[in-house]
């Protein structure tokens, strides 16, 4: 259940198209045509796609666990 907030944060960043900006800011990268961070950015894009796919499933599991406890 701890993955839901993280997945929602990544999903929100991807909806706003900020993942590239955040990645460059946190990595200290400048905008260049080809950089060493391109492979790492590919990992960020992969994590974004996983969060898009897992967010609805995690949300359903989260709500289901709350309903079961009540």
Protein backbone atom coordinates (compact mmCIF):
# COMPACT_ATOMS: atom_id res chain seq x y z
CA UNK A 1 0.00 0.00 0.00
CA UNK A 2 2.98 2.29 0.38
CA UNK A 3 3.47 2.37 -3.39
CA UNK A 4 0.23 4.27 -4.02
CA UNK A 5 1.47 7.74 -2.96
CA UNK A 6 4.69 7.29 -4.92
CA UNK A 7 2.83 6.11 -8.01
CA UNK A 8 0.44 9.05 -7.75
CA UNK A 9 3.32 11.51 -7.48
CA UNK A 10 5.03 10.10 -10.56
CA UNK A 11 1.70 10.03 -12.41
CA UNK A 12 1.02 13.68 -11.51
CA UNK A 13 4.49 14.70 -12.67
CA UNK A 14 3.99 12.89 -15.96
CA UNK A 15 0.57 14.47 -16.46
CA UNK A 16 2.18 17.87 -16.06
CA UNK A 17 5.13 16.75 -18.21
CA UNK A 18 7.54 17.75 -15.46
CA UNK A 19 9.51 14.53 -15.11
CA UNK A 20 12.19 15.72 -17.53
CA UNK A 21 12.51 19.07 -15.74
CA UNK A 22 12.66 17.44 -12.30
CA UNK A 23 15.17 14.87 -13.51
CA UNK A 24 17.42 17.56 -14.98
CA UNK A 25 17.13 19.74 -11.86
CA UNK A 26 17.87 16.94 -9.41
CA UNK A 27 20.65 15.53 -11.55
CA UNK A 28 22.26 18.90 -12.18
CA UNK A 29 22.04 18.41 -15.93
CA UNK A 30 21.91 21.16 -18.50
CA UNK A 31 19.82 21.00 -21.64
CA UNK A 32 22.08 19.53 -24.29
CA UNK A 33 21.28 17.61 -27.41
CA UNK A 34 22.95 14.37 -26.25
CA UNK A 35 23.98 13.75 -22.67
CA UNK A 36 25.11 10.96 -20.41
CA UNK A 37 21.77 11.18 -18.60
CA UNK A 38 19.78 9.89 -21.56
CA UNK A 39 19.88 6.30 -20.32
CA UNK A 40 18.87 7.39 -16.85
CA UNK A 41 16.03 9.43 -18.35
CA UNK A 42 14.90 6.24 -20.09
CA UNK A 43 14.62 4.62 -16.67
CA UNK A 44 12.55 7.58 -15.46
CA UNK A 45 10.22 7.20 -18.44
CA UNK A 46 9.90 3.47 -17.73
CA UNK A 47 9.01 4.22 -14.08
CA UNK A 48 6.46 6.75 -15.30
CA UNK A 49 4.81 4.15 -17.52
CA UNK A 50 4.77 1.63 -14.66
CA UNK A 51 3.17 4.17 -12.35
CA UNK A 52 0.52 4.93 -14.98
CA UNK A 53 -0.32 1.25 -15.17
CA UNK A 54 -0.13 0.50 -11.45
CA UNK A 55 -1.92 3.58 -10.07
CA UNK A 56 -5.49 2.36 -10.79
CA UNK A 57 -4.70 -1.14 -9.51
CA UNK A 58 -3.08 0.21 -6.34
CA UNK A 59 -5.97 2.62 -5.80
CA UNK A 60 -8.51 -0.21 -6.06
CA UNK A 61 -6.46 -2.35 -3.66
CA UNK A 62 -6.14 0.57 -1.25
CA UNK A 63 -9.90 1.28 -1.25
CA UNK A 64 -10.69 -2.43 -0.96
CA UNK A 65 -8.46 -2.80 2.09
CA UNK A 66 -10.11 0.22 3.74
CA UNK A 67 -13.59 -1.17 3.08
CA UNK A 68 -12.62 -4.59 4.47
CA UNK A 69 -11.28 -3.06 7.69
CA UNK A 70 -14.55 -1.25 8.33
